Amino acid sequence: MDEANNKTRILADELVGLSFADLSDEDINQLEILIFDQISVALYGATTDWGTAIRTYAERMTGTGQAQVIASSARTIPAIA
């Protein structure tokens, strides 16, 4: 395994081993900010022309399972939603 992959593996192992109790108040605050930011970006993006184009694409996808497309009543395969 090369050095970059080894560093990725070390990071992944550390993250998998984390529990909520391991997080500091600062960590939790930062995670809340990041989650709210991601939700805001996704909701805003759904209102744009490119968001509409992506939703139209997603609605045409078929496969196993169904998931709701964010900020829409459209449903598509989970990997695309």
N, C-alpha and C. Protein backbone atom coordinates (compact mmCIF):
# COMPACT_ATOMS: atom_id res chain seq x y z
N MET A 1 0.85 -1.17 0.00
CA MET A 1 0.00 0.00 0.00
C MET A 1 0.90 1.23 0.00
N ASP A 2 0.59 2.19 -0.91
CA ASP A 2 1.44 3.37 -0.96
C ASP A 2 1.11 4.31 0.21
N GLU A 3 1.93 5.33 0.38
CA GLU A 3 1.82 6.21 1.55
C GLU A 3 0.46 6.93 1.62
N ALA A 4 -0.03 7.42 0.47
CA ALA A 4 -1.31 8.14 0.47
C ALA A 4 -2.45 7.21 0.88
N ASN A 5 -2.47 5.99 0.34
CA ASN A 5 -3.51 5.05 0.70
C ASN A 5 -3.41 4.66 2.16
N ASN A 6 -2.20 4.54 2.68
CA ASN A 6 -2.01 4.19 4.08
C ASN A 6 -2.56 5.30 4.98
N LYS A 7 -2.31 6.56 4.62
CA LYS A 7 -2.83 7.68 5.40
C LYS A 7 -4.36 7.69 5.36
N THR A 8 -4.92 7.39 4.20
CA THR A 8 -6.37 7.32 4.08
C THR A 8 -6.92 6.22 4.97
N ARG A 9 -6.27 5.08 4.98
CA ARG A 9 -6.70 3.95 5.81
C ARG A 9 -6.62 4.31 7.29
N ILE A 10 -5.55 4.97 7.70
CA ILE A 10 -5.39 5.38 9.10
C ILE A 10 -6.51 6.33 9.50
N LEU A 11 -6.80 7.31 8.65
CA LEU A 11 -7.87 8.26 8.92
C LEU A 11 -9.22 7.56 8.99
N ALA A 12 -9.48 6.68 8.04
CA ALA A 12 -10.75 5.94 8.02
C ALA A 12 -10.91 5.11 9.29
N ASP A 13 -9.86 4.43 9.70
CA ASP A 13 -9.92 3.61 10.92
C ASP A 13 -10.20 4.47 12.15
N GLU A 14 -9.59 5.64 12.20
CA GLU A 14 -9.82 6.55 13.33
C GLU A 14 -11.27 7.04 13.35
N LEU A 15 -11.79 7.40 12.18
CA LEU A 15 -13.16 7.90 12.11
C LEU A 15 -14.18 6.81 12.46
N VAL A 16 -13.94 5.60 12.00
CA VAL A 16 -14.84 4.49 12.31
C VAL A 16 -14.87 4.22 13.81
N GLY A 17 -13.75 4.43 14.47
CA GLY A 17 -13.65 4.17 15.90
C GLY A 17 -14.21 5.27 16.78
N LEU A 18 -14.59 6.41 16.19
CA LEU A 18 -15.12 7.53 16.97
C LEU A 18 -16.52 7.24 17.48
N SER A 19 -16.82 7.76 18.64
CA SER A 19 -18.20 7.77 19.13
C SER A 19 -18.56 9.21 19.47
N PHE A 20 -19.84 9.47 19.63
CA PHE A 20 -20.28 10.83 19.93
C PHE A 20 -19.61 11.34 21.21
N ALA A 21 -19.40 10.45 22.15
CA ALA A 21 -18.78 10.84 23.42
C ALA A 21 -17.34 11.33 23.24
N ASP A 22 -16.70 10.95 22.14
CA ASP A 22 -15.32 11.37 21.87
C ASP A 22 -15.23 12.81 21.37
N LEU A 23 -16.36 13.39 20.99
CA LEU A 23 -16.36 14.72 20.39
C LEU A 23 -16.41 15.80 21.45
N SER A 24 -15.65 16.85 21.23
CA SER A 24 -15.69 18.01 22.13
C SER A 24 -16.88 18.88 21.76
N ASP A 25 -17.20 19.82 22.63
CA ASP A 25 -18.27 20.77 22.32
C ASP A 25 -17.95 21.55 21.04
N GLU A 26 -16.68 21.89 20.85
CA GLU A 26 -16.26 22.61 19.64
C GLU A 26 -16.49 21.73 18.40
N ASP A 27 -16.17 20.43 18.51
CA ASP A 27 -16.40 19.51 17.39
C ASP A 27 -17.88 19.45 17.03
N ILE A 28 -18.71 19.33 18.04
CA ILE A 28 -20.16 19.23 17.82
C ILE A 28 -20.67 20.52 17.19
N ASN A 29 -20.23 21.66 17.68
CA ASN A 29 -20.64 22.94 17.11
C ASN A 29 -20.25 23.03 15.64
N GLN A 30 -19.03 22.63 15.32
CA GLN A 30 -18.56 22.68 13.93
C GLN A 30 -19.36 21.72 13.05
N LEU A 31 -19.66 20.54 13.56
CA LEU A 31 -20.47 19.59 12.79
C LEU A 31 -21.87 20.15 12.52
N GLU A 32 -22.47 20.79 13.51
CA GLU A 32 -23.78 21.41 13.30
C GLU A 32 -23.71 22.46 12.20
N ILE A 33 -22.68 23.29 12.22
CA ILE A 33 -22.52 24.32 11.18
C ILE A 33 -22.38 23.67 9.81
N LEU A 34 -21.56 22.63 9.72
CA LEU A 34 -21.34 21.97 8.42
C LEU A 34 -22.60 21.29 7.91
N ILE A 35 -23.35 20.65 8.80
CA ILE A 35 -24.59 19.98 8.38
C ILE A 35 -25.61 21.00 7.91
N PHE A 36 -25.80 22.08 8.67
CA PHE A 36 -26.76 23.12 8.25
C PHE A 36 -26.32 23.78 6.94
N ASP A 37 -25.03 23.96 6.76
CA ASP A 37 -24.53 24.54 5.52
C ASP A 37 -24.83 23.61 4.34
N GLN A 38 -24.59 22.33 4.50
CA GLN A 38 -24.85 21.37 3.42
C GLN A 38 -26.33 21.34 3.07
N ILE A 39 -27.19 21.34 4.08
CA ILE A 39 -28.63 21.35 3.83
C ILE A 39 -29.04 22.63 3.10
N SER A 40 -28.51 23.77 3.52
CA SER A 40 -28.84 25.05 2.89
C SER A 40 -28.41 25.06 1.43
N VAL A 41 -27.22 24.59 1.16
CA VAL A 41 -26.72 24.55 -0.22
C VAL A 41 -27.60 23.64 -1.07
N ALA A 42 -27.97 22.48 -0.55
CA ALA A 42 -28.81 21.55 -1.31
C ALA A 42 -30.19 22.14 -1.58
N LEU A 43 -30.78 22.78 -0.58
CA LEU A 43 -32.11 23.38 -0.78
C LEU A 43 -32.06 24.53 -1.77
N TYR A 44 -31.04 25.38 -1.66
CA TYR A 44 -30.91 26.48 -2.63
C TYR A 44 -30.65 25.93 -4.03
N GLY A 45 -29.77 24.97 -4.13
CA GLY A 45 -29.43 24.39 -5.42
C GLY A 45 -30.64 23.81 -6.13
N ALA A 46 -31.59 23.28 -5.38
CA ALA A 46 -32.79 22.70 -5.97
C ALA A 46 -33.64 23.75 -6.68
N THR A 47 -33.46 25.03 -6.35
CA THR A 47 -34.26 26.09 -6.96
C THR A 47 -33.63 26.67 -8.22
N THR A 48 -32.42 26.26 -8.55
CA THR A 48 -31.72 26.82 -9.70
C THR A 48 -32.02 26.03 -10.97
N ASP A 49 -31.66 26.61 -12.12
CA ASP A 49 -31.87 25.91 -13.39
C ASP A 49 -31.11 24.59 -13.43
N TRP A 50 -29.86 24.60 -12.95
CA TRP A 50 -29.09 23.36 -12.98
C TRP A 50 -29.66 22.35 -11.99
N GLY A 51 -30.27 22.83 -10.90
CA GLY A 51 -30.93 21.92 -9.96
C GLY A 51 -32.12 21.24 -10.61
N THR A 52 -32.87 22.00 -11.40
CA THR A 52 -34.00 21.43 -12.13
C THR A 52 -33.52 20.40 -13.14
N ALA A 53 -32.44 20.70 -13.83
CA ALA A 53 -31.89 19.76 -14.82
C ALA A 53 -31.44 18.46 -14.15
N ILE A 54 -30.81 18.57 -13.01
CA ILE A 54 -30.35 17.38 -12.29
C ILE A 54 -31.55 16.57 -11.80
N ARG A 55 -32.59 17.25 -11.30
CA ARG A 55 -33.79 16.55 -10.84
C ARG A 55 -34.44 15.80 -12.00
N THR A 56 -34.52 16.44 -13.17
CA THR A 56 -35.10 15.79 -14.35
C THR A 56 -34.30 14.55 -14.71
N TYR A 57 -32.98 14.65 -14.67
CA TYR A 57 -32.11 13.50 -14.92
C TYR A 57 -32.40 12.40 -13.92
N ALA A 58 -32.46 12.76 -12.64
CA ALA A 58 -32.66 11.77 -11.58
C ALA A 58 -33.99 11.04 -11.75
N GLU A 59 -35.02 11.75 -12.17
CA GLU A 59 -36.35 11.14 -12.34
C GLU A 59 -36.34 10.06 -13.43
N ARG A 60 -35.42 10.14 -14.37
CA ARG A 60 -35.35 9.16 -15.47
C ARG A 60 -34.58 7.90 -15.08
N MET A 61 -33.84 7.94 -13.99
CA MET A 61 -33.03 6.80 -13.58
C MET A 61 -33.91 5.70 -12.99
N THR A 62 -33.59 4.47 -13.34
CA THR A 62 -34.33 3.33 -12.81
C THR A 62 -33.36 2.37 -12.14
N GLY A 63 -33.87 1.59 -11.25
CA GLY A 63 -33.05 0.62 -10.54
C GLY A 63 -33.79 0.11 -9.33
N THR A 64 -33.05 -0.50 -8.43
CA THR A 64 -33.63 -1.08 -7.24
C THR A 64 -33.74 -0.04 -6.14
N GLY A 65 -34.92 0.04 -5.54
CA GLY A 65 -35.13 0.95 -4.42
C GLY A 65 -35.56 2.32 -4.90
N GLN A 66 -36.12 3.07 -3.98
CA GLN A 66 -36.59 4.42 -4.27
C GLN A 66 -36.21 5.33 -3.12
N ALA A 67 -35.83 6.56 -3.44
CA ALA A 67 -35.52 7.57 -2.43
C ALA A 67 -36.01 8.91 -2.96
N GLN A 68 -36.41 9.76 -2.05
CA GLN A 68 -36.91 11.08 -2.44
C GLN A 68 -35.75 12.02 -2.74
N VAL A 69 -35.89 12.77 -3.82
CA VAL A 69 -34.91 13.78 -4.19
C VAL A 69 -35.13 14.98 -3.27
N ILE A 70 -34.06 15.50 -2.69
CA ILE A 70 -34.18 16.60 -1.73
C ILE A 70 -34.91 17.79 -2.34
N ALA A 71 -35.78 18.41 -1.55
CA ALA A 71 -36.55 19.59 -1.92
C ALA A 71 -37.45 19.33 -3.12
N SER A 72 -37.97 18.10 -3.22
CA SER A 72 -38.79 17.72 -4.36
C SER A 72 -39.67 16.56 -3.96
N SER A 73 -40.74 16.36 -4.70
CA SER A 73 -41.55 15.16 -4.50
C SER A 73 -41.08 14.03 -5.41
N ALA A 74 -40.08 14.32 -6.25
CA ALA A 74 -39.55 13.32 -7.17
C ALA A 74 -38.90 12.17 -6.41
N ARG A 75 -38.96 10.99 -6.99
CA ARG A 75 -38.33 9.82 -6.40
C ARG A 75 -37.45 9.17 -7.46
N THR A 76 -36.33 8.60 -7.02
CA THR A 76 -35.40 7.96 -7.93
C THR A 76 -34.62 6.92 -7.14
N ILE A 77 -33.65 6.30 -7.78
CA ILE A 77 -32.84 5.31 -7.08
C ILE A 77 -31.98 6.00 -6.03
N PRO A 78 -31.73 5.34 -4.90
CA PRO A 78 -30.99 5.98 -3.80
C PRO A 78 -29.63 6.54 -4.20
N ALA A 79 -28.90 5.88 -5.07
CA ALA A 79 -27.57 6.34 -5.45
C ALA A 79 -27.60 7.68 -6.16
N ILE A 80 -28.72 8.03 -6.78
CA ILE A 80 -28.85 9.28 -7.51
C ILE A 80 -29.51 10.36 -6.64
N ALA A 81 -30.45 9.94 -5.78
CA ALA A 81 -31.21 10.91 -4.97
C ALA A 81 -30.28 11.75 -4.13
